[in-house]
Amino acid sequence: MDPRQVMQVAAECGFISTQHFSKRYREQYGVPPKDERVHRRRMNSPPLH
């Protein structure tokens, strides 16, 4: 499991704002990145999207 924080991933993807990254992620995949991370951590499963 990737231990990076959402803000690290956002910055690596070129986003300055974590809020903007989260909004775009949710629009693209239907779930916020935090929910995706929690799901994968609990279930050790593939992505929700």
PDB file of N, CA and C in Angstrom:
ATOM      1  N   MET A   1       0.845  -1.181   0.000  1.00  0.00           N
ATOM      2  CA  MET A   1       0.000   0.000   0.000  1.00  0.00           C
ATOM      3  C   MET A   1       0.885   1.237   0.000  1.00  0.00           C
ATOM      4  N   ASP A   2       0.525   2.183  -0.794  1.00  0.00           N
ATOM      5  CA  ASP A   2       1.272   3.428  -0.918  1.00  0.00           C
ATOM      6  C   ASP A   2       0.995   4.324   0.290  1.00  0.00           C
ATOM      7  N   PRO A   3       2.025   4.670   1.061  1.00  0.00           N
ATOM      8  CA  PRO A   3       1.814   5.452   2.281  1.00  0.00           C
ATOM      9  C   PRO A   3       1.719   6.959   2.066  1.00  0.00           C
ATOM     10  N   ARG A   4       1.770   7.419   0.817  1.00  0.00           N
ATOM     11  CA  ARG A   4       1.738   8.861   0.573  1.00  0.00           C
ATOM     12  C   ARG A   4       0.413   9.479   1.003  1.00  0.00           C
ATOM     13  N   GLN A   5       0.493  10.726   1.448  1.00  0.00           N
ATOM     14  CA  GLN A   5      -0.683  11.506   1.805  1.00  0.00           C
ATOM     15  C   GLN A   5      -1.333  12.029   0.529  1.00  0.00           C
ATOM     16  N   VAL A   6      -2.620  12.379   0.626  1.00  0.00           N
ATOM     17  CA  VAL A   6      -3.334  12.921  -0.534  1.00  0.00           C
ATOM     18  C   VAL A   6      -2.606  14.156  -1.055  1.00  0.00           C
ATOM     19  N   MET A   7      -2.111  15.011  -0.171  1.00  0.00           N
ATOM     20  CA  MET A   7      -1.436  16.226  -0.633  1.00  0.00           C
ATOM     21  C   MET A   7      -0.165  15.896  -1.410  1.00  0.00           C
ATOM     22  N   GLN A   8       0.522  14.827  -1.055  1.00  0.00           N
ATOM     23  CA  GLN A   8       1.717  14.419  -1.799  1.00  0.00           C
ATOM     24  C   GLN A   8       1.338  13.963  -3.204  1.00  0.00           C
ATOM     25  N   VAL A   9       0.301  13.160  -3.291  1.00  0.00           N
ATOM     26  CA  VAL A   9      -0.156  12.666  -4.592  1.00  0.00           C
ATOM     27  C   VAL A   9      -0.626  13.842  -5.446  1.00  0.00           C
ATOM     28  N   ALA A  10      -1.380  14.749  -4.847  1.00  0.00           N
ATOM     29  CA  ALA A  10      -1.864  15.931  -5.572  1.00  0.00           C
ATOM     30  C   ALA A  10      -0.700  16.730  -6.134  1.00  0.00           C
ATOM     31  N   ALA A  11       0.313  16.981  -5.319  1.00  0.00           N
ATOM     32  CA  ALA A  11       1.480  17.748  -5.771  1.00  0.00           C
ATOM     33  C   ALA A  11       2.217  17.021  -6.890  1.00  0.00           C
ATOM     34  N   GLU A  12       2.360  15.710  -6.763  1.00  0.00           N
ATOM     35  CA  GLU A  12       3.038  14.928  -7.803  1.00  0.00           C
ATOM     36  C   GLU A  12       2.280  14.944  -9.119  1.00  0.00           C
ATOM     37  N   CYS A  13       0.971  15.152  -9.038  1.00  0.00           N
ATOM     38  CA  CYS A  13       0.134  15.214 -10.245  1.00  0.00           C
ATOM     39  C   CYS A  13      -0.003  16.636 -10.778  1.00  0.00           C
ATOM     40  N   GLY A  14       0.675  17.595 -10.116  1.00  0.00           N
ATOM     41  CA  GLY A  14       0.663  18.968 -10.603  1.00  0.00           C
ATOM     42  C   GLY A  14      -0.396  19.863 -10.000  1.00  0.00           C
ATOM     43  N   PHE A  15      -1.121  19.383  -9.015  1.00  0.00           N
ATOM     44  CA  PHE A  15      -2.141  20.201  -8.365  1.00  0.00           C
ATOM     45  C   PHE A  15      -1.503  21.011  -7.243  1.00  0.00           C
ATOM     46  N   ILE A  16      -1.863  22.267  -7.153  1.00  0.00           N
ATOM     47  CA  ILE A  16      -1.376  23.127  -6.077  1.00  0.00           C
ATOM     48  C   ILE A  16      -2.292  22.992  -4.866  1.00  0.00           C
ATOM     49  N   SER A  17      -3.563  22.781  -5.122  1.00  0.00           N
ATOM     50  CA  SER A  17      -4.572  22.700  -4.069  1.00  0.00           C
ATOM     51  C   SER A  17      -5.044  21.264  -3.869  1.00  0.00           C
ATOM     52  N   THR A  18      -4.964  20.789  -2.646  1.00  0.00           N
ATOM     53  CA  THR A  18      -5.486  19.459  -2.325  1.00  0.00           C
ATOM     54  C   THR A  18      -6.994  19.409  -2.532  1.00  0.00           C
ATOM     55  N   GLN A  19      -7.671  20.497  -2.219  1.00  0.00           N
ATOM     56  CA  GLN A  19      -9.125  20.547  -2.409  1.00  0.00           C
ATOM     57  C   GLN A  19      -9.493  20.382  -3.879  1.00  0.00           C
ATOM     58  N   HIS A  20      -8.761  21.046  -4.745  1.00  0.00           N
ATOM     59  CA  HIS A  20      -9.033  20.942  -6.180  1.00  0.00           C
ATOM     60  C   HIS A  20      -8.759  19.518  -6.675  1.00  0.00           C
ATOM     61  N   PHE A  21      -7.658  18.939  -6.227  1.00  0.00           N
ATOM     62  CA  PHE A  21      -7.342  17.558  -6.588  1.00  0.00           C
ATOM     63  C   PHE A  21      -8.462  16.619  -6.145  1.00  0.00           C
ATOM     64  N   SER A  22      -8.905  16.766  -4.888  1.00  0.00           N
ATOM     65  CA  SER A  22      -9.957  15.896  -4.350  1.00  0.00           C
ATOM     66  C   SER A  22     -11.254  16.043  -5.141  1.00  0.00           C
ATOM     67  N   LYS A  23     -11.584  17.269  -5.499  1.00  0.00           N
ATOM     68  CA  LYS A  23     -12.810  17.509  -6.276  1.00  0.00           C
ATOM     69  C   LYS A  23     -12.718  16.828  -7.636  1.00  0.00           C
ATOM     70  N   ARG A  24     -11.604  17.004  -8.314  1.00  0.00           N
ATOM     71  CA  ARG A  24     -11.423  16.385  -9.639  1.00  0.00           C
ATOM     72  C   ARG A  24     -11.374  14.864  -9.543  1.00  0.00           C
ATOM     73  N   TYR A  25     -10.741  14.353  -8.520  1.00  0.00           N
ATOM     74  CA  TYR A  25     -10.679  12.902  -8.317  1.00  0.00           C
ATOM     75  C   TYR A  25     -12.086  12.341  -8.135  1.00  0.00           C
ATOM     76  N   ARG A  26     -12.862  13.000  -7.292  1.00  0.00           N
ATOM     77  CA  ARG A  26     -14.241  12.564  -7.035  1.00  0.00           C
ATOM     78  C   ARG A  26     -15.077  12.632  -8.307  1.00  0.00           C
ATOM     79  N   GLU A  27     -14.903  13.686  -9.100  1.00  0.00           N
ATOM     80  CA  GLU A  27     -15.637  13.800 -10.368  1.00  0.00           C
ATOM     81  C   GLU A  27     -15.257  12.671 -11.328  1.00  0.00           C
ATOM     82  N   GLN A  28     -13.989  12.318 -11.354  1.00  0.00           N
ATOM     83  CA  GLN A  28     -13.500  11.283 -12.278  1.00  0.00           C
ATOM     84  C   GLN A  28     -13.891   9.874 -11.844  1.00  0.00           C
ATOM     85  N   TYR A  29     -13.751   9.585 -10.534  1.00  0.00           N
ATOM     86  CA  TYR A  29     -13.903   8.206 -10.065  1.00  0.00           C
ATOM     87  C   TYR A  29     -15.142   7.953  -9.210  1.00  0.00           C
ATOM     88  N   GLY A  30     -15.857   9.012  -8.830  1.00  0.00           N
ATOM     89  CA  GLY A  30     -17.097   8.833  -8.081  1.00  0.00           C
ATOM     90  C   GLY A  30     -16.929   8.698  -6.581  1.00  0.00           C
ATOM     91  N   VAL A  31     -15.712   8.716  -6.099  1.00  0.00           N
ATOM     92  CA  VAL A  31     -15.437   8.657  -4.657  1.00  0.00           C
ATOM     93  C   VAL A  31     -14.280   9.605  -4.357  1.00  0.00           C
ATOM     94  N   PRO A  32     -14.280  10.204  -3.177  1.00  0.00           N
ATOM     95  CA  PRO A  32     -13.141  11.050  -2.825  1.00  0.00           C
ATOM     96  C   PRO A  32     -11.896  10.198  -2.570  1.00  0.00           C
ATOM     97  N   PRO A  33     -10.713  10.755  -2.770  1.00  0.00           N
ATOM     98  CA  PRO A  33      -9.495   9.970  -2.594  1.00  0.00           C
ATOM     99  C   PRO A  33      -9.354   9.395  -1.186  1.00  0.00           C
ATOM    100  N   LYS A  34      -9.837  10.106  -0.191  1.00  0.00           N
ATOM    101  CA  LYS A  34      -9.739   9.594   1.178  1.00  0.00           C
ATOM    102  C   LYS A  34     -10.548   8.309   1.336  1.00  0.00           C
ATOM    103  N   ASP A  35     -11.766   8.276   0.780  1.00  0.00           N
ATOM    104  CA  ASP A  35     -12.584   7.064   0.863  1.00  0.00           C
ATOM    105  C   ASP A  35     -11.914   5.896   0.155  1.00  0.00           C
ATOM    106  N   GLU A  36     -11.312   6.185  -0.978  1.00  0.00           N
ATOM    107  CA  GLU A  36     -10.581   5.150  -1.730  1.00  0.00           C
ATOM    108  C   GLU A  36      -9.467   4.570  -0.863  1.00  0.00           C
ATOM    109  N   ARG A  37      -8.727   5.447  -0.234  1.00  0.00           N
ATOM    110  CA  ARG A  37      -7.598   5.023   0.598  1.00  0.00           C
ATOM    111  C   ARG A  37      -8.066   4.188   1.783  1.00  0.00           C
ATOM    112  N   VAL A  38      -9.129   4.634   2.463  1.00  0.00           N
ATOM    113  CA  VAL A  38      -9.665   3.901   3.616  1.00  0.00           C
ATOM    114  C   VAL A  38     -10.144   2.521   3.178  1.00  0.00           C
ATOM    115  N   HIS A  39     -10.856   2.467   2.077  1.00  0.00           N
ATOM    116  CA  HIS A  39     -11.368   1.189   1.560  1.00  0.00           C
ATOM    117  C   HIS A  39     -10.218   0.221   1.275  1.00  0.00           C
ATOM    118  N   ARG A  40      -9.210   0.707   0.590  1.00  0.00           N
ATOM    119  CA  ARG A  40      -8.087  -0.163   0.227  1.00  0.00           C
ATOM    120  C   ARG A  40      -7.303  -0.605   1.444  1.00  0.00           C
ATOM    121  N   ARG A  41      -7.194   0.275   2.427  1.00  0.00           N
ATOM    122  CA  ARG A  41      -6.456  -0.072   3.637  1.00  0.00           C
ATOM    123  C   ARG A  41      -7.215  -1.141   4.424  1.00  0.00           C
ATOM    124  N   ARG A  42      -8.521  -0.983   4.543  1.00  0.00           N
ATOM    125  CA  ARG A  42      -9.334  -1.948   5.303  1.00  0.00           C
ATOM    126  C   ARG A  42      -9.406  -3.300   4.614  1.00  0.00           C
ATOM    127  N   MET A  43      -9.645  -3.267   3.335  1.00  0.00           N
ATOM    128  CA  MET A  43      -9.913  -4.496   2.599  1.00  0.00           C
ATOM    129  C   MET A  43      -8.697  -5.080   1.889  1.00  0.00           C
ATOM    130  N   ASN A  44      -7.633  -4.278   1.832  1.00  0.00           N
ATOM    131  CA  ASN A  44      -6.469  -4.673   1.049  1.00  0.00           C
ATOM    132  C   ASN A  44      -6.945  -5.161  -0.319  1.00  0.00           C
ATOM    133  N   SER A  45      -7.793  -4.324  -0.919  1.00  0.00           N
ATOM    134  CA  SER A  45      -8.464  -4.718  -2.145  1.00  0.00           C
ATOM    135  C   SER A  45      -8.188  -3.734  -3.273  1.00  0.00           C
ATOM    136  N   PRO A  46      -8.664  -4.065  -4.468  1.00  0.00           N
ATOM    137  CA  PRO A  46      -8.489  -3.172  -5.600  1.00  0.00           C
ATOM    138  C   PRO A  46      -9.258  -1.865  -5.409  1.00  0.00           C
ATOM    139  N   PRO A  47      -8.970  -0.870  -6.214  1.00  0.00           N
ATOM    140  CA  PRO A  47      -9.646   0.418  -6.109  1.00  0.00           C
ATOM    141  C   PRO A  47     -11.160   0.315  -6.223  1.00  0.00           C
ATOM    142  N   LEU A  48     -11.849   1.296  -5.646  1.00  0.00           N
ATOM    143  CA  LEU A  48     -13.309   1.354  -5.729  1.00  0.00           C
ATOM    144  C   LEU A  48     -13.768   1.696  -7.143  1.00  0.00           C
ATOM    145  N   HIS A  49     -12.969   2.446  -7.863  1.00  0.00           N
ATOM    146  CA  HIS A  49     -13.384   2.881  -9.198  1.00  0.00           C
ATOM    147  C   HIS A  49     -13.051   1.881 -10.261  1.00  0.00           C
TER     148      HIS A  49
END
